[in-house]
């Protein structure tokens, strides 16, 4: 099965939560955070 890179936009109201999500996603090589919003 072949992996497709995923691009995600993280939107939330909490900076710490957003940082945690970006850190967790960066552990998965195929996921790239392309934007964020509050």
C-alpha atoms as a PDB file:
ATOM      1  CA  UNK A   1       0.000   0.000   0.000  1.00  0.00           C
ATOM      2  CA  UNK A   2       1.389   3.306  -1.020  1.00  0.00           C
ATOM      3  CA  UNK A   3       1.360   6.348   1.226  1.00  0.00           C
ATOM      4  CA  UNK A   4       0.165   9.731   0.082  1.00  0.00           C
ATOM      5  CA  UNK A   5       1.665  12.738   1.875  1.00  0.00           C
ATOM      6  CA  UNK A   6      -0.956  14.635   3.853  1.00  0.00           C
ATOM      7  CA  UNK A   7      -1.134  18.373   4.274  1.00  0.00           C
ATOM      8  CA  UNK A   8      -3.045  19.617   7.275  1.00  0.00           C
ATOM      9  CA  UNK A   9      -4.211  22.956   8.568  1.00  0.00           C
ATOM     10  CA  UNK A  10      -4.343  23.213  12.346  1.00  0.00           C
ATOM     11  CA  UNK A  11      -7.018  25.562  13.654  1.00  0.00           C
ATOM     12  CA  UNK A  12      -7.738  26.055  17.333  1.00  0.00           C
ATOM     13  CA  UNK A  13      -7.723  28.625  20.095  1.00  0.00           C
ATOM     14  CA  UNK A  14      -4.899  27.271  22.216  1.00  0.00           C
ATOM     15  CA  UNK A  15      -1.256  27.857  21.275  1.00  0.00           C
ATOM     16  CA  UNK A  16       0.021  25.043  23.502  1.00  0.00           C
ATOM     17  CA  UNK A  17      -2.407  22.570  21.951  1.00  0.00           C
ATOM     18  CA  UNK A  18      -1.422  23.714  18.451  1.00  0.00           C
ATOM     19  CA  UNK A  19       2.287  23.355  19.236  1.00  0.00           C
ATOM     20  CA  UNK A  20       1.610  19.861  20.585  1.00  0.00           C
ATOM     21  CA  UNK A  21      -0.291  18.886  17.449  1.00  0.00           C
ATOM     22  CA  UNK A  22       2.495  20.191  15.199  1.00  0.00           C
ATOM     23  CA  UNK A  23       5.103  18.305  17.225  1.00  0.00           C
ATOM     24  CA  UNK A  24       3.065  15.094  17.061  1.00  0.00           C
ATOM     25  CA  UNK A  25       2.425  15.442  13.338  1.00  0.00           C
ATOM     26  CA  UNK A  26       6.070  16.189  12.591  1.00  0.00           C
ATOM     27  CA  UNK A  27       6.902  12.767  14.065  1.00  0.00           C
ATOM     28  CA  UNK A  28       4.990  11.256  11.137  1.00  0.00           C
ATOM     29  CA  UNK A  29       7.232  11.848   8.139  1.00  0.00           C
ATOM     30  CA  UNK A  30       4.389  11.962   5.629  1.00  0.00           C
ATOM     31  CA  UNK A  31       2.470  14.783   7.307  1.00  0.00           C
ATOM     32  CA  UNK A  32       3.197  18.462   6.731  1.00  0.00           C
ATOM     33  CA  UNK A  33       1.501  21.336   8.520  1.00  0.00           C
ATOM     34  CA  UNK A  34       0.745  23.923   5.842  1.00  0.00           C
ATOM     35  CA  UNK A  35      -1.100  26.523   7.860  1.00  0.00           C
ATOM     36  CA  UNK A  36      -2.690  27.380  11.149  1.00  0.00           C
ATOM     37  CA  UNK A  37      -5.471  29.645  12.304  1.00  0.00           C
ATOM     38  CA  UNK A  38      -7.091  30.762  15.529  1.00  0.00           C
END
